[in-house]
């Protein structure tokens, strides 16, 4: 009789434990997600020629794109994940000088990065971002006596960023983020090089599956 009571008690305890686990709400940041983002992009260029170095040439404009990623919680308060993105940009610099004109334009950019986050509450995450980014730049000019010319260069860079993401109802995620990217130096023509740096402020709306 005692053994039967003990078995029933164990079965009821196990059932209650399983029921409690099955009803535990999953984290809103766990799993795959997709999203769209818009922002404002600011570039500073270090331009080098055989005769001089020009630092602080800027290009700026709107930036927007899409992203997709996957993440998981390592504990109730710590998050890690990977994210890919593709963006279209209107950042542009126009200049007029004695004897000609010039233009620098960000055509598009894409990248892959890791996000590490900390959750001060169940629906708010503070995170840092680190990863690789590539931007496609158009450099064009029209110089008297030489004519018009355009060259396109891809710059690879290292991106660091910080952001806040908030989980809303219905699996929707809202984020606010700042990123800085150091791009490598590329040769435009023999003796002329460009080295961009980028600051990006953006907001995004995502959906977790």
N, C-alpha and C. Protein backbone atom coordinates (compact mmCIF):
# COMPACT_ATOMS: atom_id res chain seq x y z
N UNK A 1 0.83 -1.21 0.00
CA UNK A 1 0.00 0.00 0.00
C UNK A 1 0.86 1.26 0.00
N UNK A 2 1.94 1.20 0.83
CA UNK A 2 2.84 2.34 0.90
C UNK A 2 3.54 2.57 -0.43
N UNK A 3 3.95 1.45 -1.09
CA UNK A 3 4.62 1.59 -2.38
C UNK A 3 3.68 2.21 -3.42
N UNK A 4 2.41 1.82 -3.38
CA UNK A 4 1.45 2.37 -4.34
C UNK A 4 1.27 3.87 -4.11
N UNK A 5 1.17 4.31 -2.85
CA UNK A 5 1.03 5.73 -2.54
C UNK A 5 2.26 6.51 -3.00
N UNK A 6 3.43 5.92 -2.78
CA UNK A 6 4.68 6.58 -3.19
C UNK A 6 4.73 6.73 -4.70
N UNK A 7 4.31 5.69 -5.44
CA UNK A 7 4.33 5.75 -6.90
C UNK A 7 3.37 6.81 -7.42
N UNK A 8 2.17 6.88 -6.82
CA UNK A 8 1.19 7.88 -7.22
C UNK A 8 1.73 9.29 -6.95
N UNK A 9 2.35 9.49 -5.80
CA UNK A 9 2.90 10.80 -5.44
C UNK A 9 3.99 11.22 -6.42
N UNK A 10 4.87 10.28 -6.78
CA UNK A 10 5.94 10.59 -7.74
C UNK A 10 5.36 10.92 -9.10
N UNK A 11 4.34 10.18 -9.54
CA UNK A 11 3.72 10.43 -10.84
C UNK A 11 3.08 11.81 -10.88
N UNK A 12 2.38 12.18 -9.79
CA UNK A 12 1.75 13.50 -9.73
C UNK A 12 2.78 14.61 -9.73
N UNK A 13 3.89 14.41 -9.02
CA UNK A 13 4.95 15.43 -8.97
C UNK A 13 5.60 15.60 -10.34
N UNK A 14 5.86 14.47 -11.01
CA UNK A 14 6.46 14.53 -12.34
C UNK A 14 5.52 15.20 -13.33
N UNK A 15 4.23 14.87 -13.26
CA UNK A 15 3.25 15.50 -14.15
C UNK A 15 3.17 16.99 -13.94
N UNK A 16 3.20 17.42 -12.68
CA UNK A 16 3.15 18.85 -12.39
C UNK A 16 4.38 19.55 -12.92
N UNK A 17 5.54 18.88 -12.81
CA UNK A 17 6.79 19.47 -13.30
C UNK A 17 6.76 19.63 -14.81
N UNK A 18 6.30 18.59 -15.54
CA UNK A 18 6.22 18.66 -17.00
C UNK A 18 5.22 19.71 -17.43
N UNK A 19 4.08 19.79 -16.74
CA UNK A 19 3.08 20.79 -17.10
C UNK A 19 3.62 22.19 -16.92
N UNK A 20 4.37 22.40 -15.80
CA UNK A 20 4.94 23.72 -15.58
C UNK A 20 5.94 24.09 -16.63
N UNK A 21 6.75 23.11 -17.08
CA UNK A 21 7.75 23.37 -18.11
C UNK A 21 7.09 23.69 -19.44
N UNK A 22 6.04 22.95 -19.79
CA UNK A 22 5.41 23.13 -21.09
C UNK A 22 4.71 24.47 -21.19
N UNK A 23 4.34 25.07 -20.04
CA UNK A 23 3.64 26.34 -20.08
C UNK A 23 4.58 27.53 -19.92
N UNK A 24 5.90 27.23 -19.74
CA UNK A 24 6.86 28.33 -19.60
C UNK A 24 6.96 29.09 -20.92
N UNK A 25 6.86 30.41 -20.87
CA UNK A 25 6.88 31.22 -22.09
C UNK A 25 8.30 31.29 -22.64
N UNK A 26 8.47 31.03 -23.96
CA UNK A 26 9.80 31.13 -24.55
C UNK A 26 10.23 32.59 -24.63
N UNK A 27 11.54 32.82 -24.69
CA UNK A 27 12.04 34.19 -24.79
C UNK A 27 11.65 34.77 -26.15
N UNK A 28 11.26 36.05 -26.21
CA UNK A 28 10.92 36.67 -27.50
C UNK A 28 12.12 36.89 -28.39
N UNK A 29 13.34 36.66 -27.87
CA UNK A 29 14.55 36.86 -28.67
C UNK A 29 15.14 35.54 -29.17
N UNK A 30 14.50 34.44 -28.87
CA UNK A 30 15.01 33.12 -29.22
C UNK A 30 14.56 32.70 -30.61
N UNK A 31 15.51 32.28 -31.48
CA UNK A 31 15.14 31.72 -32.76
C UNK A 31 15.43 32.63 -33.95
N UNK A 32 14.93 32.24 -35.15
CA UNK A 32 15.19 33.02 -36.37
C UNK A 32 14.27 34.23 -36.48
N UNK A 33 14.72 35.23 -37.24
CA UNK A 33 13.95 36.45 -37.41
C UNK A 33 14.35 37.14 -38.71
N UNK A 34 13.50 38.01 -39.21
CA UNK A 34 13.79 38.86 -40.37
C UNK A 34 13.32 40.28 -40.02
N UNK A 35 13.81 41.27 -40.79
CA UNK A 35 13.39 42.63 -40.50
C UNK A 35 13.80 43.61 -41.58
N UNK A 36 13.35 44.85 -41.41
CA UNK A 36 13.70 45.95 -42.30
C UNK A 36 14.16 47.12 -41.45
N UNK A 37 15.06 47.96 -42.01
CA UNK A 37 15.62 49.05 -41.24
C UNK A 37 15.83 50.29 -42.12
N UNK A 38 15.77 51.45 -41.48
CA UNK A 38 16.07 52.71 -42.14
C UNK A 38 16.97 53.52 -41.22
N UNK A 39 17.75 54.45 -41.81
CA UNK A 39 18.64 55.23 -40.98
C UNK A 39 19.31 56.34 -41.76
N UNK A 40 20.34 56.90 -41.14
CA UNK A 40 21.10 58.00 -41.73
C UNK A 40 22.57 57.65 -41.66
N UNK A 41 23.26 57.75 -42.81
CA UNK A 41 24.64 57.32 -42.94
C UNK A 41 25.55 58.52 -43.19
N UNK A 42 26.68 58.56 -42.48
CA UNK A 42 27.65 59.65 -42.61
C UNK A 42 29.03 59.03 -42.85
N UNK A 43 29.67 59.41 -43.98
CA UNK A 43 31.01 58.94 -44.31
C UNK A 43 32.02 60.07 -44.15
N UNK A 44 33.23 59.70 -43.72
CA UNK A 44 34.41 60.56 -43.79
C UNK A 44 35.46 59.82 -44.61
N UNK A 45 36.04 60.52 -45.59
CA UNK A 45 37.03 59.91 -46.46
C UNK A 45 38.40 60.54 -46.24
N UNK A 46 39.41 59.69 -46.22
CA UNK A 46 40.80 60.14 -46.27
C UNK A 46 41.30 59.89 -47.69
N UNK A 47 41.48 60.96 -48.45
CA UNK A 47 41.89 60.85 -49.85
C UNK A 47 43.36 61.22 -49.97
N UNK A 48 44.11 60.35 -50.64
CA UNK A 48 45.55 60.56 -50.79
C UNK A 48 45.91 60.64 -52.27
N UNK A 49 46.67 61.68 -52.64
CA UNK A 49 47.20 61.85 -53.99
C UNK A 49 48.71 62.01 -53.90
N UNK A 50 49.42 61.97 -55.03
CA UNK A 50 50.88 62.14 -54.97
C UNK A 50 51.31 63.46 -54.34
N UNK A 51 50.44 64.47 -54.38
CA UNK A 51 50.84 65.79 -53.91
C UNK A 51 50.28 66.16 -52.54
N UNK A 52 49.17 65.52 -52.08
CA UNK A 52 48.57 65.91 -50.82
C UNK A 52 47.68 64.82 -50.26
N UNK A 53 47.34 64.99 -48.97
CA UNK A 53 46.38 64.12 -48.29
C UNK A 53 45.23 64.99 -47.78
N UNK A 54 44.01 64.61 -48.14
CA UNK A 54 42.82 65.35 -47.74
C UNK A 54 42.03 64.46 -46.79
N UNK A 55 41.86 64.91 -45.55
CA UNK A 55 41.13 64.14 -44.55
C UNK A 55 39.86 64.89 -44.16
N UNK A 56 38.73 64.19 -44.08
CA UNK A 56 37.50 64.81 -43.64
C UNK A 56 36.50 65.11 -44.74
N UNK A 57 36.75 64.63 -45.97
CA UNK A 57 35.74 64.74 -47.03
C UNK A 57 34.55 63.88 -46.62
N UNK A 58 33.36 64.45 -46.61
CA UNK A 58 32.21 63.73 -46.07
C UNK A 58 31.16 63.45 -47.14
N UNK A 59 30.42 62.37 -46.92
CA UNK A 59 29.25 62.03 -47.73
C UNK A 59 28.17 61.59 -46.76
N UNK A 60 26.94 61.96 -47.04
CA UNK A 60 25.86 61.62 -46.11
C UNK A 60 24.55 61.46 -46.85
N UNK A 61 23.64 60.70 -46.24
CA UNK A 61 22.33 60.48 -46.84
C UNK A 61 21.59 59.35 -46.16
N UNK A 62 20.37 59.10 -46.62
CA UNK A 62 19.53 58.05 -46.04
C UNK A 62 20.08 56.67 -46.37
N UNK A 63 19.76 55.72 -45.51
CA UNK A 63 20.21 54.34 -45.68
C UNK A 63 19.06 53.43 -45.27
N UNK A 64 18.78 52.39 -46.04
CA UNK A 64 17.71 51.46 -45.70
C UNK A 64 17.98 50.08 -46.25
N UNK A 65 17.45 49.07 -45.59
CA UNK A 65 17.70 47.72 -46.07
C UNK A 65 16.93 46.67 -45.31
N UNK A 66 17.41 45.42 -45.43
CA UNK A 66 16.76 44.27 -44.80
C UNK A 66 17.81 43.47 -44.05
N UNK A 67 17.35 42.68 -43.08
CA UNK A 67 18.27 41.84 -42.31
C UNK A 67 17.57 40.54 -41.93
N UNK A 68 18.39 39.54 -41.62
CA UNK A 68 17.87 38.25 -41.16
C UNK A 68 18.92 37.63 -40.25
N UNK A 69 18.45 36.91 -39.24
CA UNK A 69 19.41 36.33 -38.31
C UNK A 69 18.80 35.24 -37.46
N UNK A 70 19.62 34.76 -36.55
CA UNK A 70 19.20 33.71 -35.60
C UNK A 70 19.94 33.94 -34.30
N UNK A 71 19.26 33.73 -33.19
CA UNK A 71 19.90 33.91 -31.90
C UNK A 71 19.32 32.99 -30.85
N UNK A 72 20.03 32.89 -29.72
CA UNK A 72 19.59 32.05 -28.62
C UNK A 72 20.07 32.64 -27.30
N UNK A 73 19.41 32.25 -26.23
CA UNK A 73 19.81 32.65 -24.89
C UNK A 73 20.74 31.60 -24.31
N UNK A 74 21.91 32.06 -23.81
CA UNK A 74 22.83 31.15 -23.12
C UNK A 74 22.44 30.99 -21.65
N UNK A 75 21.69 31.97 -21.16
CA UNK A 75 21.13 31.95 -19.81
C UNK A 75 19.94 32.89 -19.84
N UNK A 76 19.18 33.02 -18.77
CA UNK A 76 18.03 33.93 -18.82
C UNK A 76 18.39 35.38 -19.14
N UNK A 77 19.67 35.76 -18.96
CA UNK A 77 20.04 37.17 -19.15
C UNK A 77 21.03 37.42 -20.27
N UNK A 78 21.57 36.38 -20.92
CA UNK A 78 22.62 36.58 -21.93
C UNK A 78 22.24 35.93 -23.26
N UNK A 79 22.50 36.68 -24.34
CA UNK A 79 22.08 36.31 -25.70
C UNK A 79 23.27 36.31 -26.64
N UNK A 80 23.24 35.43 -27.64
CA UNK A 80 24.23 35.43 -28.70
C UNK A 80 23.59 35.02 -30.02
N UNK A 81 24.03 35.64 -31.13
CA UNK A 81 23.44 35.29 -32.42
C UNK A 81 24.24 35.84 -33.58
N UNK A 82 23.84 35.44 -34.79
CA UNK A 82 24.46 35.89 -36.03
C UNK A 82 23.42 36.60 -36.88
N UNK A 83 23.87 37.61 -37.65
CA UNK A 83 22.93 38.38 -38.47
C UNK A 83 23.58 38.80 -39.79
N UNK A 84 22.83 38.69 -40.89
CA UNK A 84 23.26 39.16 -42.21
C UNK A 84 22.37 40.32 -42.62
N UNK A 85 22.92 41.29 -43.40
CA UNK A 85 22.15 42.45 -43.81
C UNK A 85 22.53 42.90 -45.22
N UNK A 86 21.59 43.56 -45.88
CA UNK A 86 21.83 44.19 -47.19
C UNK A 86 21.12 45.54 -47.18
N UNK A 87 21.86 46.59 -47.61
CA UNK A 87 21.33 47.95 -47.54
C UNK A 87 21.55 48.71 -48.84
N UNK A 88 20.59 49.59 -49.14
CA UNK A 88 20.74 50.56 -50.22
C UNK A 88 20.99 51.91 -49.57
N UNK A 89 21.86 52.73 -50.16
CA UNK A 89 22.23 53.98 -49.53
C UNK A 89 22.14 55.15 -50.48
N UNK A 90 21.76 56.30 -49.93
CA UNK A 90 21.76 57.54 -50.69
C UNK A 90 22.87 58.47 -50.26
N UNK A 91 23.84 57.97 -49.48
CA UNK A 91 24.94 58.81 -49.02
C UNK A 91 25.79 59.25 -50.22
N UNK A 92 25.99 60.56 -50.33
CA UNK A 92 26.68 61.10 -51.50
C UNK A 92 27.44 62.37 -51.13
N UNK A 93 28.58 62.58 -51.82
CA UNK A 93 29.36 63.82 -51.68
C UNK A 93 29.57 64.43 -53.06
N UNK A 94 29.20 65.68 -53.20
CA UNK A 94 29.44 66.43 -54.44
C UNK A 94 30.38 67.58 -54.13
N UNK A 95 31.33 67.82 -55.01
CA UNK A 95 32.25 68.92 -54.81
C UNK A 95 32.56 69.60 -56.14
N UNK A 96 32.79 70.89 -56.07
CA UNK A 96 33.21 71.68 -57.22
C UNK A 96 34.52 72.36 -56.88
N UNK A 97 35.48 72.25 -57.77
CA UNK A 97 36.79 72.86 -57.55
C UNK A 97 37.24 73.54 -58.83
N UNK A 98 38.31 74.29 -58.75
CA UNK A 98 38.80 75.00 -59.93
C UNK A 98 39.21 73.98 -60.98
N UNK A 99 38.48 74.00 -62.08
CA UNK A 99 38.83 73.09 -63.17
C UNK A 99 38.00 71.83 -63.24
N UNK A 100 37.00 71.64 -62.34
CA UNK A 100 36.22 70.42 -62.47
C UNK A 100 35.24 70.18 -61.33
N UNK A 101 34.63 69.01 -61.37
CA UNK A 101 33.68 68.57 -60.35
C UNK A 101 33.98 67.12 -59.98
N UNK A 102 33.47 66.71 -58.81
CA UNK A 102 33.67 65.33 -58.38
C UNK A 102 32.49 64.85 -57.56
N UNK A 103 32.34 63.52 -57.51
CA UNK A 103 31.25 62.93 -56.74
C UNK A 103 31.69 61.59 -56.17
N UNK A 104 31.26 61.33 -54.92
CA UNK A 104 31.46 60.03 -54.27
C UNK A 104 30.09 59.55 -53.82
N UNK A 105 29.76 58.29 -54.12
CA UNK A 105 28.42 57.78 -53.78
C UNK A 105 28.50 56.34 -53.30
N UNK A 106 27.81 56.08 -52.19
CA UNK A 106 27.62 54.72 -51.68
C UNK A 106 26.47 54.08 -52.46
N UNK A 107 26.78 53.05 -53.27
CA UNK A 107 25.74 52.37 -54.05
C UNK A 107 24.92 51.42 -53.16
N UNK A 108 25.61 50.50 -52.50
CA UNK A 108 24.96 49.57 -51.58
C UNK A 108 26.03 48.97 -50.68
N UNK A 109 25.58 48.28 -49.64
CA UNK A 109 26.52 47.64 -48.72
C UNK A 109 25.86 46.43 -48.07
N UNK A 110 26.68 45.48 -47.67
CA UNK A 110 26.16 44.27 -47.03
C UNK A 110 27.20 43.75 -46.04
N UNK A 111 26.74 42.89 -45.13
CA UNK A 111 27.67 42.39 -44.13
C UNK A 111 27.13 41.24 -43.32
N UNK A 112 28.01 40.70 -42.48
CA UNK A 112 27.70 39.60 -41.57
C UNK A 112 28.33 39.92 -40.23
N UNK A 113 27.55 39.79 -39.16
CA UNK A 113 28.08 40.16 -37.84
C UNK A 113 27.49 39.28 -36.76
N UNK A 114 28.15 39.33 -35.60
CA UNK A 114 27.67 38.64 -34.41
C UNK A 114 27.08 39.66 -33.45
N UNK A 115 26.04 39.25 -32.74
CA UNK A 115 25.44 40.10 -31.70
C UNK A 115 25.53 39.39 -30.36
N UNK A 116 25.98 40.11 -29.34
CA UNK A 116 26.00 39.61 -27.97
C UNK A 116 25.15 40.56 -27.13
N UNK A 117 24.21 40.01 -26.38
CA UNK A 117 23.27 40.86 -25.67
C UNK A 117 23.10 40.50 -24.21
N UNK A 118 22.57 41.49 -23.48
CA UNK A 118 22.21 41.32 -22.08
C UNK A 118 20.78 41.80 -21.89
N UNK A 119 19.98 41.02 -21.16
CA UNK A 119 18.56 41.32 -20.96
C UNK A 119 18.32 41.86 -19.56
N UNK A 120 18.11 43.17 -19.40
CA UNK A 120 17.76 43.69 -18.08
C UNK A 120 16.35 43.28 -17.66
N UNK A 121 15.50 42.95 -18.66
CA UNK A 121 14.17 42.40 -18.39
C UNK A 121 13.85 41.42 -19.52
N UNK A 122 12.75 40.71 -19.38
CA UNK A 122 12.44 39.64 -20.34
C UNK A 122 12.15 40.15 -21.74
N UNK A 123 11.77 41.42 -21.90
CA UNK A 123 11.40 41.92 -23.23
C UNK A 123 12.31 43.06 -23.72
N UNK A 124 13.43 43.30 -23.06
CA UNK A 124 14.37 44.35 -23.47
C UNK A 124 15.77 43.75 -23.52
N UNK A 125 16.48 44.02 -24.62
CA UNK A 125 17.85 43.54 -24.77
C UNK A 125 18.77 44.68 -25.17
N UNK A 126 19.88 44.81 -24.46
CA UNK A 126 20.97 45.71 -24.84
C UNK A 126 22.05 44.85 -25.48
N UNK A 127 22.55 45.27 -26.66
CA UNK A 127 23.48 44.38 -27.37
C UNK A 127 24.63 45.16 -28.01
N UNK A 128 25.69 44.41 -28.27
CA UNK A 128 26.81 44.91 -29.04
C UNK A 128 26.94 44.10 -30.31
N UNK A 129 27.49 44.74 -31.34
CA UNK A 129 27.64 44.09 -32.64
C UNK A 129 29.10 44.18 -33.09
N UNK A 130 29.60 43.10 -33.70
CA UNK A 130 30.94 43.10 -34.29
C UNK A 130 30.93 42.22 -35.53
N UNK A 131 31.49 42.74 -36.64
CA UNK A 131 31.48 41.93 -37.84
C UNK A 131 32.14 42.59 -39.04
N UNK A 132 31.93 41.97 -40.19
CA UNK A 132 32.52 42.38 -41.46
C UNK A 132 31.45 43.08 -42.30
N UNK A 133 31.87 44.13 -43.02
CA UNK A 133 30.96 44.88 -43.88
C UNK A 133 31.68 45.22 -45.19
N UNK A 134 30.95 45.19 -46.29
CA UNK A 134 31.51 45.58 -47.60
C UNK A 134 30.61 46.64 -48.22
N UNK A 135 31.22 47.73 -48.71
CA UNK A 135 30.49 48.81 -49.36
C UNK A 135 31.00 48.97 -50.78
N UNK A 136 30.09 49.24 -51.71
CA UNK A 136 30.43 49.49 -53.11
C UNK A 136 30.33 50.99 -53.35
N UNK A 137 31.47 51.64 -53.67
CA UNK A 137 31.54 53.08 -53.84
C UNK A 137 31.79 53.45 -55.30
N UNK A 138 31.04 54.46 -55.76
CA UNK A 138 31.30 55.05 -57.07
C UNK A 138 32.07 56.36 -56.88
N UNK A 139 33.21 56.47 -57.54
CA UNK A 139 34.00 57.70 -57.54
C UNK A 139 33.99 58.24 -58.97
N UNK A 140 33.53 59.47 -59.15
CA UNK A 140 33.46 60.03 -60.49
C UNK A 140 33.94 61.48 -60.47
N UNK A 141 34.43 61.94 -61.62
CA UNK A 141 34.89 63.32 -61.73
C UNK A 141 34.91 63.77 -63.17
N UNK A 142 34.88 65.08 -63.34
CA UNK A 142 34.95 65.69 -64.67
C UNK A 142 35.93 66.86 -64.57
N UNK A 143 37.13 66.65 -65.09
CA UNK A 143 38.20 67.63 -64.96
C UNK A 143 38.50 68.22 -66.33
N UNK A 144 38.58 69.54 -66.38
CA UNK A 144 38.86 70.22 -67.64
C UNK A 144 40.20 69.76 -68.20
N UNK A 145 40.19 69.44 -69.48
CA UNK A 145 41.40 68.98 -70.14
C UNK A 145 41.63 67.48 -70.05
N UNK A 146 40.88 66.81 -69.13
CA UNK A 146 41.03 65.35 -68.96
C UNK A 146 39.75 64.64 -69.35
N UNK A 147 38.60 65.22 -68.96
CA UNK A 147 37.31 64.61 -69.27
C UNK A 147 36.71 63.91 -68.08
N UNK A 148 35.57 63.27 -68.33
CA UNK A 148 34.84 62.59 -67.26
C UNK A 148 35.31 61.15 -67.11
N UNK A 149 35.33 60.68 -65.86
CA UNK A 149 35.72 59.31 -65.58
C UNK A 149 35.02 58.83 -64.32
N UNK A 150 34.70 57.53 -64.27
CA UNK A 150 34.06 56.92 -63.12
C UNK A 150 34.74 55.60 -62.80
N UNK A 151 34.99 55.35 -61.53
CA UNK A 151 35.53 54.07 -61.11
C UNK A 151 34.73 53.57 -59.91
N UNK A 152 34.55 52.28 -59.81
CA UNK A 152 33.83 51.67 -58.70
C UNK A 152 34.81 50.83 -57.87
N UNK A 153 34.74 50.99 -56.56
CA UNK A 153 35.62 50.24 -55.67
C UNK A 153 34.81 49.62 -54.54
N UNK A 154 35.15 48.38 -54.21
CA UNK A 154 34.57 47.71 -53.05
C UNK A 154 35.55 47.83 -51.88
N UNK A 155 35.05 48.36 -50.78
CA UNK A 155 35.86 48.49 -49.57
C UNK A 155 35.35 47.50 -48.53
N UNK A 156 36.23 46.67 -47.98
CA UNK A 156 35.89 45.79 -46.87
C UNK A 156 36.22 46.50 -45.56
N UNK A 157 35.42 46.22 -44.53
CA UNK A 157 35.65 46.90 -43.27
C UNK A 157 35.23 46.11 -42.06
N UNK A 158 35.65 46.62 -40.90
CA UNK A 158 35.31 46.03 -39.61
C UNK A 158 34.29 46.93 -38.92
N UNK A 159 33.16 46.37 -38.53
CA UNK A 159 32.06 47.14 -37.94
C UNK A 159 31.88 46.80 -36.47
N UNK A 160 31.71 47.86 -35.65
CA UNK A 160 31.31 47.72 -34.26
C UNK A 160 30.05 48.55 -34.04
N UNK A 161 29.16 48.05 -33.21
CA UNK A 161 27.92 48.79 -32.96
C UNK A 161 27.32 48.46 -31.61
N UNK A 162 26.38 49.31 -31.19
CA UNK A 162 25.62 49.08 -29.96
C UNK A 162 24.15 49.36 -30.27
N UNK A 163 23.27 48.68 -29.55
CA UNK A 163 21.86 48.89 -29.82
C UNK A 163 20.97 48.41 -28.69
N UNK A 164 19.69 48.72 -28.83
CA UNK A 164 18.65 48.27 -27.90
C UNK A 164 17.52 47.66 -28.72
N UNK A 165 17.05 46.48 -28.31
CA UNK A 165 15.93 45.83 -28.98
C UNK A 165 14.83 45.55 -27.97
N UNK A 166 13.60 45.86 -28.36
CA UNK A 166 12.45 45.69 -27.47
C UNK A 166 11.45 44.73 -28.12
N UNK A 167 11.03 43.72 -27.39
CA UNK A 167 10.02 42.77 -27.86
C UNK A 167 8.63 43.34 -27.62
N UNK A 168 7.83 43.38 -28.69
CA UNK A 168 6.46 43.86 -28.59
C UNK A 168 5.51 42.68 -28.73
N UNK A 169 4.23 42.94 -28.82
CA UNK A 169 3.26 41.86 -28.95
C UNK A 169 3.31 41.26 -30.35
N UNK A 170 2.90 40.00 -30.45
CA UNK A 170 2.80 39.34 -31.74
C UNK A 170 4.12 39.03 -32.40
N UNK A 171 5.18 38.76 -31.62
CA UNK A 171 6.51 38.39 -32.12
C UNK A 171 7.23 39.53 -32.85
N UNK A 172 6.78 40.76 -32.71
CA UNK A 172 7.45 41.90 -33.35
C UNK A 172 8.57 42.43 -32.46
N UNK A 173 9.66 42.86 -33.10
CA UNK A 173 10.83 43.36 -32.40
C UNK A 173 11.21 44.74 -32.96
N UNK A 174 11.37 45.72 -32.09
CA UNK A 174 11.77 47.06 -32.48
C UNK A 174 13.19 47.31 -31.97
N UNK A 175 14.05 47.91 -32.83
CA UNK A 175 15.43 48.17 -32.42
C UNK A 175 15.88 49.59 -32.78
N UNK A 176 16.85 50.07 -32.01
CA UNK A 176 17.52 51.34 -32.24
C UNK A 176 19.02 51.07 -32.12
N UNK A 177 19.81 51.54 -33.12
CA UNK A 177 21.21 51.10 -33.20
C UNK A 177 22.13 52.18 -33.75
N UNK A 178 23.38 52.17 -33.28
CA UNK A 178 24.46 52.99 -33.83
C UNK A 178 25.63 52.07 -34.19
N UNK A 179 26.22 52.28 -35.39
CA UNK A 179 27.35 51.48 -35.84
C UNK A 179 28.46 52.38 -36.38
N UNK A 180 29.69 51.93 -36.21
CA UNK A 180 30.84 52.59 -36.84
C UNK A 180 31.65 51.53 -37.58
N UNK A 181 32.05 51.86 -38.81
CA UNK A 181 32.81 50.92 -39.64
C UNK A 181 34.09 51.58 -40.13
N UNK A 182 35.20 50.86 -39.96
CA UNK A 182 36.50 51.27 -40.50
C UNK A 182 36.74 50.48 -41.78
N UNK A 183 36.70 51.14 -42.93
CA UNK A 183 36.91 50.45 -44.20
C UNK A 183 38.38 50.53 -44.62
N UNK A 184 38.79 49.54 -45.41
CA UNK A 184 40.19 49.52 -45.84
C UNK A 184 40.45 50.53 -46.97
N UNK A 185 41.71 50.75 -47.24
CA UNK A 185 42.13 51.70 -48.26
C UNK A 185 42.16 51.01 -49.62
N UNK A 186 41.66 51.70 -50.65
CA UNK A 186 41.66 51.17 -52.01
C UNK A 186 42.26 52.20 -52.96
N UNK A 187 42.97 51.70 -53.99
CA UNK A 187 43.57 52.56 -55.01
C UNK A 187 42.54 52.92 -56.06
N UNK A 188 42.34 54.21 -56.29
CA UNK A 188 41.39 54.68 -57.30
C UNK A 188 42.06 54.76 -58.67
N UNK A 189 43.17 55.43 -58.73
CA UNK A 189 44.03 55.50 -59.91
C UNK A 189 45.45 55.45 -59.39
N UNK A 190 46.44 55.18 -60.24
CA UNK A 190 47.83 55.15 -59.75
C UNK A 190 48.18 56.44 -59.00
N UNK A 191 48.53 56.28 -57.73
CA UNK A 191 48.90 57.42 -56.92
C UNK A 191 47.76 58.04 -56.13
N UNK A 192 46.51 57.59 -56.34
CA UNK A 192 45.35 58.15 -55.63
C UNK A 192 44.63 57.03 -54.87
N UNK A 193 44.38 57.24 -53.58
CA UNK A 193 43.75 56.23 -52.73
C UNK A 193 42.63 56.86 -51.90
N UNK A 194 41.69 56.00 -51.50
CA UNK A 194 40.58 56.43 -50.66
C UNK A 194 40.39 55.45 -49.51
N UNK A 195 40.17 56.01 -48.32
CA UNK A 195 39.96 55.20 -47.11
C UNK A 195 38.74 55.75 -46.37
N UNK A 196 37.57 55.10 -46.49
CA UNK A 196 36.34 55.62 -45.85
C UNK A 196 36.19 55.13 -44.41
N UNK A 197 35.48 55.94 -43.64
CA UNK A 197 34.97 55.57 -42.32
C UNK A 197 33.50 55.94 -42.29
N UNK A 198 32.70 55.16 -41.58
CA UNK A 198 31.25 55.36 -41.65
C UNK A 198 30.61 55.34 -40.27
N UNK A 199 29.71 56.29 -40.04
CA UNK A 199 28.83 56.29 -38.86
C UNK A 199 27.40 56.10 -39.35
N UNK A 200 26.67 55.20 -38.69
CA UNK A 200 25.33 54.84 -39.14
C UNK A 200 24.37 54.82 -37.95
N UNK A 201 23.30 55.60 -38.06
CA UNK A 201 22.25 55.64 -37.04
C UNK A 201 20.98 55.08 -37.69
N UNK A 202 20.34 54.09 -37.05
CA UNK A 202 19.19 53.46 -37.71
C UNK A 202 18.20 52.86 -36.70
N UNK A 203 16.99 52.64 -37.21
CA UNK A 203 15.94 51.96 -36.46
C UNK A 203 15.46 50.79 -37.31
N UNK A 204 15.00 49.73 -36.67
CA UNK A 204 14.56 48.55 -37.41
C UNK A 204 13.33 47.93 -36.79
N UNK A 205 12.58 47.24 -37.61
CA UNK A 205 11.41 46.49 -37.16
C UNK A 205 11.54 45.06 -37.67
N UNK A 206 11.57 44.11 -36.73
CA UNK A 206 11.76 42.71 -37.09
C UNK A 206 10.61 41.84 -36.64
N UNK A 207 10.61 40.61 -37.17
CA UNK A 207 9.59 39.62 -36.80
C UNK A 207 10.28 38.30 -36.52
N UNK A 208 10.03 37.74 -35.35
CA UNK A 208 10.63 36.46 -34.95
C UNK A 208 9.66 35.32 -35.27
N UNK A 209 10.21 34.25 -35.87
CA UNK A 209 9.39 33.08 -36.21
C UNK A 209 9.34 32.08 -35.07
